[in-house]
Amino acid sequence: MLLQVLKKTNAVELSYQGICSMSPDSATTARAERLAKSDRWRDLSYNDHYVWGACRSSGVRWYSVVFSRRGTGAFKCNCPSRKQPCKHALGLAFLYLQQPGGFSFSAKTPDYVKAWNPHRPAAKPTADEVAEKAAEQARQRLRAREKRLFQMEAGLAELKQWLSDLVRQGLAVLDGAPHEVFQEISERMVNAKLGSLARRVRNLAFVVGQKDWHEKILAEFGDIYLMIRGFENLTRLPPPLQQEMLNVLGIHTKKEALETLDGISDTWLVIGQTEQSDDERLFYRLTWIAGQETGRTALLLDFAWGSNPYEHNRVVGTQFKGEIVYYPSAWPLRAMVRKYVPANSVFTVRGFENFEQFAGAYAEALRHNPWLADFPAFLENVIPVFRHDRFFLLDTEKKQLPLSVKDQWGWKMLALSGGRPIAVFGQWDGSTLKPLSGVANDRFHILSDTKPLPRPARQWRSW
């Protein structure tokens, strides 16, 4: 129960966990927490029955928000969001939990609060009302999309000029340059709704000074420039590549849009997992699964904000029978699990027999999606070796593939192999393979750190 009515008084006790339990998903929780700031609100008030206030949208509109202090805590907001409770309603609850002193008791109740009775069954809307509401929501989504595309276009034009100036001056100007050189343009990309590009630009500061950093920086500049040119020619691209371009820049297909798409049923093995964070606030987990019958590989992407847990618990080495749906893409990889039943049986994964076969598959993937960041690869009959102070894999033709692996896992691979062929699954980024798991002597082994990243401590207090 979110709101608990105390027996002796009409006061209400809120809890952080209770508010989170009402949220439709972790992303909504994260947005709600960011709204729990008094400068985003006005007319914050309460009485014996309700708490209410007006929340400023990203534009000039103010949304009227109210929740009941009695019963199980019903919410009301006049925003067009299809998620209930919306971020504004949860944000008001978070703010009331954090700063109760910022709310004034009011004997006068606004009309929109009076008109709302959470205990009265809502009147069933007519067919025309349902159609009009759906049409209005579609128009609002279209306006929001057009506004974001305009912001992205301006941001990419600025980034293109920044790249051109650096190349014209020469990369040597970056040697010894302060991190602010990258931080400033990164912040501008965030303002332009280009969060993924902002992270890539910000991470360039840590590349400068490394071995062969000029080549690495120039390669990254080339990838970013390809994205910019792709967006400039967006309308000329085939529809699958248009969607891929938008995916890369941060405009993703909503989960709701996948409900009507056909799924793929199979027994799936959780074959690898990595976790990353953005400024220790936004955490995202990449989980790879492989289908036994179909031979398909899919990527499950989960997000968590701050100290909030991930919505799903995915453990490397476990299996499930179920149905997945791929997100629309020129080269589908990311997917959503639609049906899930735990399973435990003998599992066989078919991989690439040699590096030539692997390289051909990777080239085919790039032909469909030139912005492909990570390519899943299950390599059979490979031998891990340590040469020239780094780890490699050798195939049956003695060709070698460089690895990006910590020493502890690299030496574990060598110990598992003992000079004999094993199978390795990993992520290929275009230059190195990051091993995630492997099979040796018919046993499955984890070959990467799956321990969760440290999370920031919660700052919420009870009252």
Protein backbone atom coordinates (compact mmCIF):
# COMPACT_ATOMS: atom_id res chain seq x y z
CA MET A 1 0.00 0.00 0.00
CA LEU A 2 1.43 3.37 -1.00
CA LEU A 3 -0.45 5.59 1.41
CA GLN A 4 -1.27 4.35 4.88
CA VAL A 5 -3.94 6.23 6.86
CA LEU A 6 -2.84 6.37 10.48
CA LYS A 7 -5.42 5.26 13.03
CA LYS A 8 -5.19 8.22 15.40
CA THR A 9 -4.92 11.06 12.91
CA ASN A 10 -5.57 11.94 9.31
CA ALA A 11 -1.81 12.24 8.59
CA VAL A 12 -0.33 10.08 5.89
CA GLU A 13 2.99 8.26 5.99
CA LEU A 14 4.80 7.97 2.64
CA SER A 15 7.71 5.66 1.90
CA TYR A 16 10.21 5.65 -0.92
CA GLN A 17 9.64 1.96 -1.55
CA GLY A 18 5.88 2.46 -1.61
CA ILE A 19 6.06 5.18 -4.26
CA CYS A 20 8.42 3.08 -6.39
CA SER A 21 6.04 0.11 -6.16
CA MET A 22 3.29 2.21 -7.78
CA SER A 23 5.48 3.23 -10.71
CA PRO A 24 4.78 1.52 -14.07
CA ASP A 25 8.53 1.09 -14.73
CA SER A 26 11.99 2.17 -13.56
CA ALA A 27 12.30 4.82 -16.29
CA THR A 28 9.18 6.60 -15.00
CA THR A 29 10.59 6.40 -11.46
CA ALA A 30 13.83 8.02 -12.61
CA ARG A 31 11.99 10.87 -14.36
CA ALA A 32 9.76 11.35 -11.32
CA GLU A 33 12.77 11.69 -9.03
CA ARG A 34 14.18 14.40 -11.27
CA LEU A 35 10.86 16.27 -10.97
CA ALA A 36 11.01 16.22 -7.15
CA LYS A 37 12.39 19.76 -7.03
CA SER A 38 10.42 22.72 -5.78
CA ASP A 39 11.52 24.97 -8.66
CA ARG A 40 9.53 22.75 -11.05
CA TRP A 41 6.28 23.30 -9.11
CA ARG A 42 3.90 26.01 -7.99
CA ASP A 43 0.74 26.17 -5.84
CA LEU A 44 1.94 23.28 -3.64
CA SER A 45 -0.87 22.72 -1.12
CA TYR A 46 -2.75 20.09 0.88
CA ASN A 47 -5.79 19.56 3.05
CA ASP A 48 -7.18 16.63 5.02
CA HIS A 49 -8.01 14.73 1.85
CA TYR A 50 -5.65 15.71 -0.97
CA VAL A 51 -2.20 16.97 -1.91
CA TRP A 52 -1.94 19.01 -5.11
CA GLY A 53 0.26 21.26 -7.20
CA ALA A 54 1.07 22.41 -10.74
CA CYS A 55 4.13 21.00 -12.51
CA ARG A 56 5.90 22.89 -15.29
CA SER A 57 6.34 20.82 -18.45
CA SER A 58 9.36 21.02 -20.74
CA GLY A 59 7.52 23.78 -22.59
CA VAL A 60 5.32 26.52 -21.19
CA ARG A 61 2.39 24.43 -20.00
CA TRP A 62 1.60 23.63 -16.37
CA TYR A 63 0.04 20.25 -15.51
CA SER A 64 -2.41 20.01 -12.61
CA VAL A 65 -1.52 17.09 -10.32
CA VAL A 66 -3.32 15.72 -7.26
CA PHE A 67 -3.21 12.60 -5.12
CA SER A 68 -5.47 11.34 -2.37
CA ARG A 69 -4.22 11.17 1.21
CA ARG A 70 -6.77 8.50 2.03
CA GLY A 71 -7.18 4.91 0.95
CA THR A 72 -4.50 3.39 -1.27
CA GLY A 73 -3.34 6.63 -2.81
CA ALA A 74 -5.07 7.45 -6.08
CA PHE A 75 -3.47 9.92 -8.50
CA LYS A 76 -4.74 12.37 -11.08
CA CYS A 77 -2.83 14.41 -13.67
CA ASN A 78 -4.06 16.14 -16.83
CA CYS A 79 -0.93 15.35 -18.86
CA PRO A 80 -1.27 13.16 -21.99
CA SER A 81 0.95 10.35 -20.69
CA ARG A 82 -0.32 6.83 -21.22
CA LYS A 83 1.58 5.56 -18.18
CA GLN A 84 -0.32 5.62 -14.92
CA PRO A 85 0.69 6.94 -12.50
CA CYS A 86 2.65 9.37 -14.64
CA LYS A 87 6.00 10.95 -13.74
CA HIS A 88 4.26 14.16 -12.56
CA ALA A 89 2.06 12.31 -10.06
CA LEU A 90 4.96 10.29 -8.68
CA GLY A 91 7.15 13.40 -8.69
CA LEU A 92 4.60 15.19 -6.49
CA ALA A 93 4.62 12.24 -4.07
CA PHE A 94 8.44 12.21 -3.97
CA LEU A 95 8.50 15.97 -3.35
CA TYR A 96 5.88 15.68 -0.59
CA LEU A 97 8.02 12.95 1.00
CA GLN A 98 11.22 15.00 0.82
CA GLN A 99 9.96 18.49 1.56
CA PRO A 100 6.62 18.41 3.39
CA GLY A 101 7.35 21.88 4.71
CA GLY A 102 7.19 23.23 1.17
CA PHE A 103 3.43 22.52 1.05
CA SER A 104 0.91 24.93 2.53
CA PHE A 105 -2.33 23.89 4.18
CA SER A 106 -5.26 25.34 2.22
CA ALA A 107 -8.87 25.58 3.24
CA LYS A 108 -9.74 26.54 -0.34
CA THR A 109 -9.71 23.64 -2.77
CA PRO A 110 -9.11 24.29 -6.51
CA ASP A 111 -11.89 23.36 -8.90
CA TYR A 112 -9.86 20.59 -10.58
CA VAL A 113 -9.37 18.96 -7.18
CA LYS A 114 -13.05 19.32 -6.26
CA ALA A 115 -14.10 17.77 -9.57
CA TRP A 116 -11.97 14.70 -8.91
CA ASN A 117 -13.32 11.96 -6.70
CA PRO A 118 -11.01 8.94 -6.71
CA HIS A 119 -13.64 6.80 -4.98
CA ARG A 120 -16.34 7.51 -7.57
CA PRO A 121 -16.36 5.25 -10.64
CA ALA A 122 -15.38 7.22 -13.71
CA ALA A 123 -17.99 7.69 -16.39
CA LYS A 124 -17.38 5.46 -19.38
CA PRO A 125 -16.17 7.64 -22.29
CA THR A 126 -18.04 7.57 -25.58
CA ALA A 127 -16.49 6.19 -28.74
CA ASP A 128 -16.03 9.73 -30.07
CA GLU A 129 -14.29 10.81 -26.88
CA VAL A 130 -11.95 7.81 -27.04
CA ALA A 131 -11.13 8.53 -30.69
CA GLU A 132 -10.55 12.25 -30.03
CA LYS A 133 -8.29 11.51 -27.07
CA ALA A 134 -6.25 9.05 -29.14
CA ALA A 135 -5.98 11.57 -31.97
CA GLU A 136 -4.88 14.33 -29.60
CA GLN A 137 -2.24 12.07 -28.05
CA ALA A 138 -0.97 11.21 -31.53
CA ARG A 139 -0.75 14.91 -32.42
CA GLN A 140 1.13 15.67 -29.21
CA ARG A 141 3.59 12.83 -29.85
CA LEU A 142 4.14 14.12 -33.38
CA ARG A 143 4.77 17.68 -32.14
CA ALA A 144 7.17 16.39 -29.49
CA ARG A 145 9.02 14.29 -32.06
CA GLU A 146 9.33 17.21 -34.50
CA LYS A 147 10.62 19.46 -31.72
CA ARG A 148 13.22 16.90 -30.69
CA LEU A 149 14.38 16.34 -34.28
CA PHE A 150 14.82 20.09 -34.65
CA GLN A 151 16.91 20.22 -31.46
CA MET A 152 18.98 17.25 -32.62
CA GLU A 153 19.58 18.84 -36.03
CA ALA A 154 20.94 22.01 -34.41
CA GLY A 155 23.11 20.03 -32.01
CA LEU A 156 24.58 17.84 -34.75
CA ALA A 157 25.40 20.90 -36.84
CA GLU A 158 27.33 22.33 -33.88
CA LEU A 159 29.12 19.02 -33.31
CA LYS A 160 30.06 18.82 -36.99
CA GLN A 161 31.65 22.27 -36.78
CA TRP A 162 33.51 21.27 -33.60
CA LEU A 163 34.92 18.16 -35.30
CA SER A 164 35.90 20.10 -38.42
CA ASP A 165 37.73 22.74 -36.38
CA LEU A 166 39.72 20.12 -34.46
CA VAL A 167 40.73 18.23 -37.60
CA ARG A 168 41.67 21.50 -39.30
CA GLN A 169 43.86 22.56 -36.36
CA GLY A 170 45.35 19.08 -35.94
CA LEU A 171 44.79 16.49 -33.21
CA ALA A 172 47.99 17.62 -31.49
CA VAL A 173 46.03 20.49 -29.93
CA LEU A 174 44.26 17.89 -27.76
CA ASP A 175 47.50 16.65 -26.20
CA GLY A 176 47.43 17.94 -22.64
CA ALA A 177 44.13 19.77 -23.19
CA PRO A 178 41.83 19.94 -20.11
CA HIS A 179 38.78 17.69 -19.92
CA GLU A 180 36.61 20.80 -20.20
CA VAL A 181 37.33 20.80 -23.94
CA PHE A 182 35.18 17.69 -24.24
CA GLN A 183 32.85 18.41 -21.33
CA GLU A 184 31.54 21.66 -22.80
CA ILE A 185 30.53 20.19 -26.17
CA SER A 186 29.18 17.12 -24.36
CA GLU A 187 26.83 19.28 -22.29
CA ARG A 188 25.61 20.97 -25.44
CA MET A 189 24.79 17.55 -26.89
CA VAL A 190 22.76 16.74 -23.78
CA ASN A 191 20.79 19.96 -24.27
CA ALA A 192 20.20 18.91 -27.89
CA LYS A 193 18.67 15.58 -26.73
CA LEU A 194 21.71 13.63 -27.95
CA GLY A 195 22.61 11.78 -24.78
CA SER A 196 24.32 8.82 -26.49
CA LEU A 197 26.60 11.11 -28.49
CA ALA A 198 27.27 13.19 -25.38
CA ARG A 199 28.65 10.11 -23.62
CA ARG A 200 30.88 9.24 -26.56
CA VAL A 201 32.30 12.75 -26.76
CA ARG A 202 32.83 12.92 -22.99
CA ASN A 203 34.70 9.60 -23.01
CA LEU A 204 37.16 10.94 -25.60
CA ALA A 205 38.88 12.86 -22.81
CA PHE A 206 40.06 9.54 -21.33
CA VAL A 207 41.45 8.32 -24.65
CA VAL A 208 43.86 11.24 -25.10
CA GLY A 209 47.26 10.26 -23.76
CA GLN A 210 46.81 6.52 -24.22
CA LYS A 211 49.01 4.48 -26.53
CA ASP A 212 48.14 5.27 -30.18
CA TRP A 213 45.52 7.77 -28.99
CA HIS A 214 45.68 9.77 -32.24
CA GLU A 215 44.46 6.76 -34.23
CA LYS A 216 41.74 5.97 -31.67
CA ILE A 217 40.48 9.56 -31.57
CA LEU A 218 40.46 9.81 -35.37
CA ALA A 219 38.55 6.53 -35.67
CA GLU A 220 35.97 7.77 -33.17
CA PHE A 221 35.69 11.08 -35.03
CA GLY A 222 35.00 9.10 -38.20
CA ASP A 223 32.20 7.11 -36.54
CA ILE A 224 30.61 10.26 -35.13
CA TYR A 225 30.88 12.04 -38.49
CA LEU A 226 29.16 9.08 -40.16
CA MET A 227 26.25 9.51 -37.73
CA ILE A 228 26.03 13.22 -38.51
CA ARG A 229 25.98 12.62 -42.26
CA GLY A 230 23.43 9.86 -41.80
CA PHE A 231 21.10 12.22 -39.96
CA GLU A 232 21.59 14.94 -42.60
CA ASN A 233 20.41 12.42 -45.22
CA LEU A 234 17.79 10.78 -43.01
CA THR A 235 14.89 11.08 -45.46
CA ARG A 236 16.97 9.48 -48.23
CA LEU A 237 17.76 6.36 -46.25
CA PRO A 238 15.68 3.17 -46.53
CA PRO A 239 13.09 2.89 -43.72
CA PRO A 240 15.07 0.23 -41.74
CA LEU A 241 18.18 2.44 -41.80
CA GLN A 242 16.12 5.49 -40.81
CA GLN A 243 14.94 3.63 -37.72
CA GLU A 244 18.49 2.47 -36.99
CA MET A 245 19.77 6.04 -37.30
CA LEU A 246 17.18 7.24 -34.80
CA ASN A 247 18.01 4.33 -32.47
CA VAL A 248 21.67 5.31 -32.48
CA LEU A 249 20.82 8.92 -31.65
CA GLY A 250 18.45 8.01 -28.83
CA ILE A 251 14.93 7.92 -30.34
CA HIS A 252 13.84 4.38 -29.55
CA THR A 253 10.72 2.41 -30.34
CA LYS A 254 8.39 2.20 -27.33
CA LYS A 255 7.73 -1.21 -25.81
CA GLU A 256 4.02 -0.75 -26.44
CA ALA A 257 4.69 -0.68 -30.19
CA LEU A 258 6.13 -4.21 -30.03
CA GLU A 259 2.90 -5.79 -28.83
CA THR A 260 1.55 -6.21 -32.35
CA LEU A 261 4.79 -7.62 -33.80
CA ASP A 262 5.45 -11.33 -34.31
CA GLY A 263 7.69 -12.97 -31.74
CA ILE A 264 10.20 -15.83 -31.84
CA SER A 265 9.75 -18.78 -29.47
CA ASP A 266 12.68 -20.89 -28.35
CA THR A 267 14.67 -22.08 -25.36
CA TRP A 268 17.04 -19.24 -24.53
CA LEU A 269 20.35 -19.27 -22.67
CA VAL A 270 21.58 -16.15 -20.87
CA ILE A 271 25.05 -16.30 -22.37
CA GLY A 272 26.70 -13.04 -21.34
CA GLN A 273 26.20 -9.78 -19.48
CA THR A 274 27.88 -6.42 -18.96
CA GLU A 275 26.89 -3.32 -16.96
CA GLN A 276 27.81 0.32 -17.44
CA SER A 277 26.89 3.61 -15.81
CA ASP A 278 26.51 7.22 -16.84
CA ASP A 279 27.95 9.56 -14.18
CA GLU A 280 27.04 6.97 -11.51
CA ARG A 281 23.38 7.92 -11.84
CA LEU A 282 22.01 6.04 -14.82
CA PHE A 283 22.93 2.35 -14.93
CA TYR A 284 22.31 0.13 -17.92
CA ARG A 285 22.79 -3.61 -18.28
CA LEU A 286 23.36 -5.47 -21.54
CA THR A 287 22.30 -9.12 -21.43
CA TRP A 288 22.93 -11.46 -24.36
CA ILE A 289 20.71 -14.50 -24.93
CA ALA A 290 21.07 -17.29 -27.50
CA GLY A 291 18.31 -19.50 -28.92
CA GLN A 292 18.89 -23.24 -29.07
CA GLU A 293 16.69 -24.13 -32.04
CA THR A 294 16.72 -20.87 -33.99
CA GLY A 295 20.40 -20.08 -33.44
CA ARG A 296 19.37 -16.43 -33.02
CA THR A 297 21.13 -14.05 -30.63
CA ALA A 298 19.39 -11.14 -28.94
CA LEU A 299 20.31 -8.27 -26.65
CA LEU A 300 18.15 -7.38 -23.64
CA LEU A 301 18.74 -3.82 -22.45
CA ASP A 302 17.69 -2.82 -18.92
CA PHE A 303 17.98 0.57 -17.20
CA ALA A 304 18.04 1.59 -13.55
CA TRP A 305 18.33 5.03 -12.00
CA GLY A 306 20.39 5.76 -8.91
CA SER A 307 19.89 3.13 -6.22
CA ASN A 308 16.81 1.60 -7.87
CA PRO A 309 17.12 -2.09 -8.84
CA TYR A 310 16.66 -3.41 -12.34
CA GLU A 311 13.14 -4.50 -13.18
CA HIS A 312 14.26 -8.04 -14.14
CA ASN A 313 16.85 -10.33 -12.61
CA ARG A 314 18.85 -11.95 -15.42
CA VAL A 315 21.56 -14.42 -14.36
CA VAL A 316 24.27 -15.60 -16.74
CA GLY A 317 24.10 -19.36 -17.33
CA THR A 318 20.35 -19.69 -16.70
CA GLN A 319 17.78 -20.74 -19.31
CA PHE A 320 14.16 -19.99 -20.07
CA LYS A 321 11.53 -21.08 -22.54
CA GLY A 322 9.78 -18.11 -23.98
CA GLU A 323 9.02 -15.68 -26.75
CA ILE A 324 11.05 -12.59 -27.62
CA VAL A 325 10.22 -9.71 -29.94
CA TYR A 326 12.95 -7.83 -31.77
CA TYR A 327 12.88 -4.05 -31.92
CA PRO A 328 12.59 -2.72 -35.51
CA SER A 329 16.10 -2.39 -36.92
CA ALA A 330 18.12 -2.78 -40.09
CA TRP A 331 20.00 -5.58 -38.28
CA PRO A 332 17.80 -6.70 -35.35
CA LEU A 333 19.64 -7.40 -32.11
CA ARG A 334 17.82 -5.67 -29.26
CA ALA A 335 14.73 -7.54 -28.11
CA MET A 336 12.05 -7.67 -25.42
CA VAL A 337 10.98 -10.82 -23.60
CA ARG A 338 7.27 -11.38 -24.06
CA LYS A 339 6.87 -14.83 -22.44
CA TYR A 340 9.16 -16.35 -19.80
CA VAL A 341 9.19 -19.81 -18.20
CA PRO A 342 12.37 -20.98 -16.38
CA ALA A 343 14.03 -24.02 -17.94
CA ASN A 344 16.93 -26.33 -17.25
CA SER A 345 18.11 -28.75 -19.92
CA VAL A 346 21.12 -29.72 -22.01
CA PHE A 347 21.87 -26.70 -24.20
CA THR A 348 23.84 -26.60 -27.45
CA VAL A 349 24.92 -23.34 -29.12
CA ARG A 350 26.21 -23.31 -32.68
CA GLY A 351 29.02 -20.83 -33.35
CA PHE A 352 31.49 -19.74 -36.03
CA GLU A 353 33.91 -22.49 -37.05
CA ASN A 354 36.77 -20.09 -37.86
CA PHE A 355 37.59 -16.38 -37.98
CA GLU A 356 36.98 -16.13 -41.72
CA GLN A 357 33.37 -17.23 -41.19
CA PHE A 358 33.06 -14.78 -38.30
CA ALA A 359 34.50 -11.89 -40.36
CA GLY A 360 32.05 -12.60 -43.18
CA ALA A 361 29.09 -12.48 -40.79
CA TYR A 362 30.34 -9.25 -39.24
CA ALA A 363 30.77 -7.66 -42.69
CA GLU A 364 27.20 -8.68 -43.58
CA ALA A 365 25.92 -7.06 -40.38
CA LEU A 366 27.79 -3.82 -41.15
CA ARG A 367 26.36 -3.83 -44.66
CA HIS A 368 22.89 -3.60 -43.14
CA ASN A 369 23.79 -1.39 -40.19
CA PRO A 370 26.97 0.73 -40.52
CA TRP A 371 26.40 2.10 -36.98
CA LEU A 372 26.55 -1.31 -35.33
CA ALA A 373 28.40 -0.89 -32.01
CA ASP A 374 28.68 -4.44 -30.66
CA PHE A 375 28.46 -7.69 -32.59
CA PRO A 376 27.80 -10.96 -30.70
CA ALA A 377 30.18 -13.76 -31.61
CA PHE A 378 30.27 -17.38 -30.46
CA LEU A 379 33.58 -18.82 -31.65
CA GLU A 380 34.16 -22.57 -31.68
CA ASN A 381 37.48 -24.46 -31.55
CA VAL A 382 39.62 -21.51 -30.42
CA ILE A 383 42.72 -21.58 -28.24
CA PRO A 384 43.51 -18.62 -25.94
CA VAL A 385 47.17 -17.54 -25.92
CA PHE A 386 49.26 -14.79 -24.34
CA ARG A 387 51.62 -13.00 -26.71
CA HIS A 388 53.38 -9.64 -26.67
CA ASP A 389 51.81 -8.72 -23.29
CA ARG A 390 48.24 -9.32 -24.39
CA PHE A 391 45.70 -12.10 -24.89
CA PHE A 392 44.58 -13.51 -28.25
CA LEU A 393 42.41 -16.31 -29.62
CA LEU A 394 43.73 -18.67 -32.29
CA ASP A 395 41.40 -20.52 -34.66
CA THR A 396 41.99 -23.82 -36.44
CA GLU A 397 43.90 -21.99 -39.18
CA LYS A 398 46.22 -20.31 -36.63
CA LYS A 399 44.76 -16.88 -37.31
CA GLN A 400 44.60 -14.67 -34.23
CA LEU A 401 41.97 -12.35 -32.79
CA PRO A 402 42.90 -9.69 -30.17
CA LEU A 403 41.01 -9.74 -26.87
CA SER A 404 39.93 -6.97 -24.51
CA VAL A 405 40.03 -8.81 -21.19
CA LYS A 406 41.28 -8.25 -17.66
CA ASP A 407 44.25 -10.35 -16.63
CA GLN A 408 42.31 -12.46 -14.12
CA TRP A 409 39.85 -13.59 -16.79
CA GLY A 410 42.50 -13.97 -19.47
CA TRP A 411 44.51 -16.34 -17.30
CA LYS A 412 41.33 -18.22 -16.40
CA MET A 413 40.70 -18.79 -20.11
CA LEU A 414 44.21 -20.17 -20.54
CA ALA A 415 43.74 -22.45 -17.53
CA LEU A 416 40.41 -23.76 -18.83
CA SER A 417 41.92 -24.42 -22.24
CA GLY A 418 45.23 -25.96 -21.22
CA GLY A 419 46.30 -25.57 -24.83
CA ARG A 420 43.20 -27.36 -26.13
CA PRO A 421 40.34 -25.81 -28.17
CA ILE A 422 37.40 -24.31 -26.30
CA ALA A 423 34.36 -22.22 -27.30
CA VAL A 424 34.14 -18.52 -26.41
CA PHE A 425 31.26 -16.06 -26.57
CA GLY A 426 31.90 -12.32 -26.56
CA GLN A 427 31.20 -8.82 -27.88
CA TRP A 428 33.17 -7.66 -30.92
CA ASP A 429 33.54 -3.87 -31.16
CA GLY A 430 35.29 -3.80 -34.54
CA SER A 431 38.83 -4.13 -33.19
CA THR A 432 38.81 -6.43 -30.15
CA LEU A 433 36.63 -9.17 -28.67
CA LYS A 434 35.49 -8.92 -25.06
CA PRO A 435 34.96 -12.49 -23.77
CA LEU A 436 31.83 -12.96 -21.66
CA SER A 437 31.46 -16.73 -21.35
CA GLY A 438 32.80 -19.98 -22.71
CA VAL A 439 32.44 -23.74 -22.87
CA ALA A 440 35.29 -26.06 -21.93
CA ASN A 441 34.98 -29.83 -21.42
CA ASP A 442 31.20 -29.53 -21.94
CA ARG A 443 30.87 -27.12 -19.00
CA PHE A 444 29.66 -23.52 -19.16
CA HIS A 445 31.98 -20.89 -17.63
CA ILE A 446 31.61 -17.14 -17.00
CA LEU A 447 34.58 -15.20 -18.39
CA SER A 448 33.79 -11.66 -17.24
CA ASP A 449 32.90 -9.79 -14.08
CA THR A 450 29.12 -9.98 -13.50
CA LYS A 451 29.21 -8.33 -10.07
CA PRO A 452 26.84 -5.32 -10.04
CA LEU A 453 28.41 -1.87 -10.12
CA PRO A 454 28.38 0.07 -6.82
CA ARG A 455 25.31 2.24 -6.44
CA PRO A 456 24.95 5.64 -4.74
CA ALA A 457 23.48 5.57 -1.24
CA ARG A 458 19.86 6.63 -0.92
CA GLN A 459 19.33 10.05 0.60
CA TRP A 460 15.64 9.69 1.40
CA ARG A 461 14.48 10.19 4.95
CA SER A 462 11.33 9.08 6.73
CA TRP A 463 9.05 11.59 8.38
